[in-house]
Protein backbone atom coordinates (compact mmCIF):
# COMPACT_ATOMS: atom_id res chain seq x y z
CA UNK A 1 -36.62 59.14 -17.86
CA UNK A 2 -35.12 59.22 -14.42
CA UNK A 3 -36.95 58.07 -11.09
CA UNK A 4 -35.92 58.26 -7.63
CA UNK A 5 -37.23 56.76 -4.72
CA UNK A 6 -36.66 58.87 -1.52
CA UNK A 7 -37.76 58.32 2.27
CA UNK A 8 -37.02 59.73 5.60
CA UNK A 9 -36.37 58.18 8.79
CA UNK A 10 -36.55 60.45 11.72
CA UNK A 11 -35.36 58.96 14.98
CA UNK A 12 -35.30 62.06 17.07
CA UNK A 13 -36.60 65.49 16.95
CA UNK A 14 -33.18 66.94 17.75
CA UNK A 15 -29.72 65.16 18.21
CA UNK A 16 -27.50 65.74 21.03
CA UNK A 17 -24.78 68.51 20.38
CA UNK A 18 -21.65 66.74 19.46
CA UNK A 19 -18.95 66.45 22.48
CA UNK A 20 -16.84 69.31 22.98
CA UNK A 21 -13.50 67.22 23.05
CA UNK A 22 -13.52 64.36 20.23
CA UNK A 23 -10.88 63.25 18.02
CA UNK A 24 -11.23 60.72 15.25
CA UNK A 25 -8.61 57.94 14.77
CA UNK A 26 -8.21 54.98 12.73
CA UNK A 27 -9.75 52.45 15.79
CA UNK A 28 -12.33 54.83 16.30
CA UNK A 29 -13.26 54.35 12.50
CA UNK A 30 -13.15 50.99 12.69
CA UNK A 31 -15.38 50.83 15.72
CA UNK A 32 -17.85 53.39 13.83
CA UNK A 33 -17.90 51.21 10.61
CA UNK A 34 -18.86 48.22 12.46
CA UNK A 35 -21.58 49.67 14.74
CA UNK A 36 -22.90 51.33 11.20
CA UNK A 37 -22.94 47.79 9.66
CA UNK A 38 -24.74 46.69 12.57
CA UNK A 39 -27.18 49.54 12.21
CA UNK A 40 -27.45 48.66 8.37
CA UNK A 41 -28.39 44.98 9.09
CA UNK A 42 -25.10 43.87 7.28
CA UNK A 43 -23.18 42.98 10.70
CA UNK A 44 -24.63 40.87 13.57
CA UNK A 45 -24.64 42.67 16.96
CA UNK A 46 -22.54 39.68 18.90
CA UNK A 47 -19.77 39.96 16.14
CA UNK A 48 -19.93 44.05 16.12
CA UNK A 49 -19.74 44.36 19.91
CA UNK A 50 -17.05 42.04 20.16
CA UNK A 51 -14.86 43.48 17.22
CA UNK A 52 -15.37 46.84 19.34
CA UNK A 53 -13.98 45.55 22.44
CA UNK A 54 -11.26 44.04 20.65
CA UNK A 55 -10.19 47.53 19.20
CA UNK A 56 -10.07 48.67 22.68
CA UNK A 57 -8.02 45.81 23.96
CA UNK A 58 -5.84 45.95 21.04
CA UNK A 59 -4.92 49.49 21.77
CA UNK A 60 -3.36 48.66 24.96
CA UNK A 61 -2.22 45.48 26.55
CA UNK A 62 -5.32 43.91 27.17
CA UNK A 63 -8.63 44.32 28.87
CA UNK A 64 -7.31 45.58 32.19
CA UNK A 65 -5.10 48.34 30.62
CA UNK A 66 -8.00 49.15 28.42
CA UNK A 67 -10.20 49.54 31.26
CA UNK A 68 -7.90 51.85 32.90
CA UNK A 69 -6.77 53.77 30.09
CA UNK A 70 -10.19 54.86 28.85
CA UNK A 71 -11.95 54.71 32.39
CA UNK A 72 -14.23 52.33 31.47
CA UNK A 73 -15.27 49.71 34.24
CA UNK A 74 -13.90 46.54 33.60
CA UNK A 75 -17.30 44.97 34.58
CA UNK A 76 -18.77 46.50 31.25
CA UNK A 77 -15.98 45.00 29.11
CA UNK A 78 -16.51 41.30 31.09
CA UNK A 79 -20.42 41.73 30.59
CA UNK A 80 -19.91 42.42 26.87
CA UNK A 81 -17.80 39.87 26.10
CA UNK A 82 -19.95 37.20 28.21
CA UNK A 83 -23.01 38.72 26.44
CA UNK A 84 -21.26 38.11 23.19
CA UNK A 85 -19.73 34.68 23.69
CA UNK A 86 -21.74 32.50 25.82
CA UNK A 87 -25.21 33.68 24.32
CA UNK A 88 -26.50 33.44 20.91
CA UNK A 89 -28.56 30.82 18.39
CA UNK A 90 -27.92 29.46 15.38
CA UNK A 91 -28.29 32.70 13.73
CA UNK A 92 -26.73 35.20 16.06
CA UNK A 93 -24.02 33.16 18.15
CA UNK A 94 -20.27 34.56 17.60
CA UNK A 95 -18.77 31.31 18.82
CA UNK A 96 -20.71 28.15 19.07
CA UNK A 97 -17.88 26.51 21.40
CA UNK A 98 -18.41 28.89 23.94
CA UNK A 99 -22.03 28.86 24.32
CA UNK A 100 -23.61 28.32 27.73
CA UNK A 101 -27.06 29.77 26.49
CA UNK A 102 -28.44 28.81 23.25
CA UNK A 103 -30.97 31.45 22.68
CA UNK A 104 -31.20 34.93 21.23
CA UNK A 105 -30.53 37.76 23.20
CA UNK A 106 -33.34 39.44 25.04
CA UNK A 107 -34.47 42.97 24.17
CA UNK A 108 -32.78 44.22 27.32
CA UNK A 109 -29.29 42.63 26.20
CA UNK A 110 -29.72 43.95 22.70
CA UNK A 111 -30.19 47.41 24.25
CA UNK A 112 -27.46 46.84 27.02
CA UNK A 113 -25.13 45.97 24.16
CA UNK A 114 -25.88 48.78 21.74
CA UNK A 115 -25.55 51.76 24.45
CA UNK A 116 -22.34 49.91 25.52
CA UNK A 117 -20.69 50.00 22.13
CA UNK A 118 -22.22 53.72 21.63
CA UNK A 119 -20.66 54.31 25.08
CA UNK A 120 -17.27 52.91 23.95
CA UNK A 121 -16.81 54.69 20.61
CA UNK A 122 -17.64 58.03 22.11
CA UNK A 123 -15.29 57.47 24.80
CA UNK A 124 -12.20 56.70 22.40
CA UNK A 125 -13.04 59.95 20.62
CA UNK A 126 -12.78 61.91 23.79
CA UNK A 127 -9.57 59.93 24.81
CA UNK A 128 -8.06 60.53 21.40
CA UNK A 129 -8.76 64.24 21.78
CA UNK A 130 -6.85 64.62 25.38
CA UNK A 131 -4.94 61.29 26.01
CA UNK A 132 -3.27 62.96 29.03
CA UNK A 133 -7.05 64.22 30.49
CA UNK A 134 -8.97 62.87 33.23
CA UNK A 135 -11.93 60.99 32.04
CA UNK A 136 -14.76 60.48 34.41
CA UNK A 137 -15.05 56.82 35.06
CA UNK A 138 -17.98 55.01 33.08
CA UNK A 139 -19.60 52.59 34.93
CA UNK A 140 -22.22 49.57 34.75
CA UNK A 141 -24.77 52.44 36.40
CA UNK A 142 -23.89 54.54 33.09
CA UNK A 143 -25.68 51.78 31.22
CA UNK A 144 -29.51 50.32 31.03
CA UNK A 145 -29.85 47.77 33.52
CA UNK A 146 -29.58 44.28 32.79
C-alpha cells in the first residue's frame, strides 16, 4: 500500500518573467540557499539577511566597495545591518551584545528585510551576467518604506 499527501500553495497567479541577464555563482547560490532556508522556517530572518550582506561584502573589500560594485545604496546595507544587529528578542536576536531594542521586528521591518534580500540576490545575478555592465542604482526608494 502506498499513500502520499499532496498539497499546493499558490502565492501568485503569475510569476514575473526571469531577468534577461542573470548568472548563478557560488555566492548567489549561498544567498539563495540561506533565503530558501528562511522561507522554509529553518533559518531566522536576521541571521539569513546578515549572512547575505556578508556574502556581498566578502566578495569585494567591504561594505563600501560592495555598494559601489553592485550599485546598491550604502543606506540599504547600513539599514539592513542595523535591523539585523540592533533589534531582536529572545528568539530572533542575532547578537545580544549589540541589541539596542530588545523586541521582535515589526511587520514592516520584516517585509523590508525580505525585500532587501531578494533585491540583493537578483542584483548579484545581474552583476554575474555582465560584471562590466552599468547597473541602475538600487536605492531606499526601491524598497518598501520603513
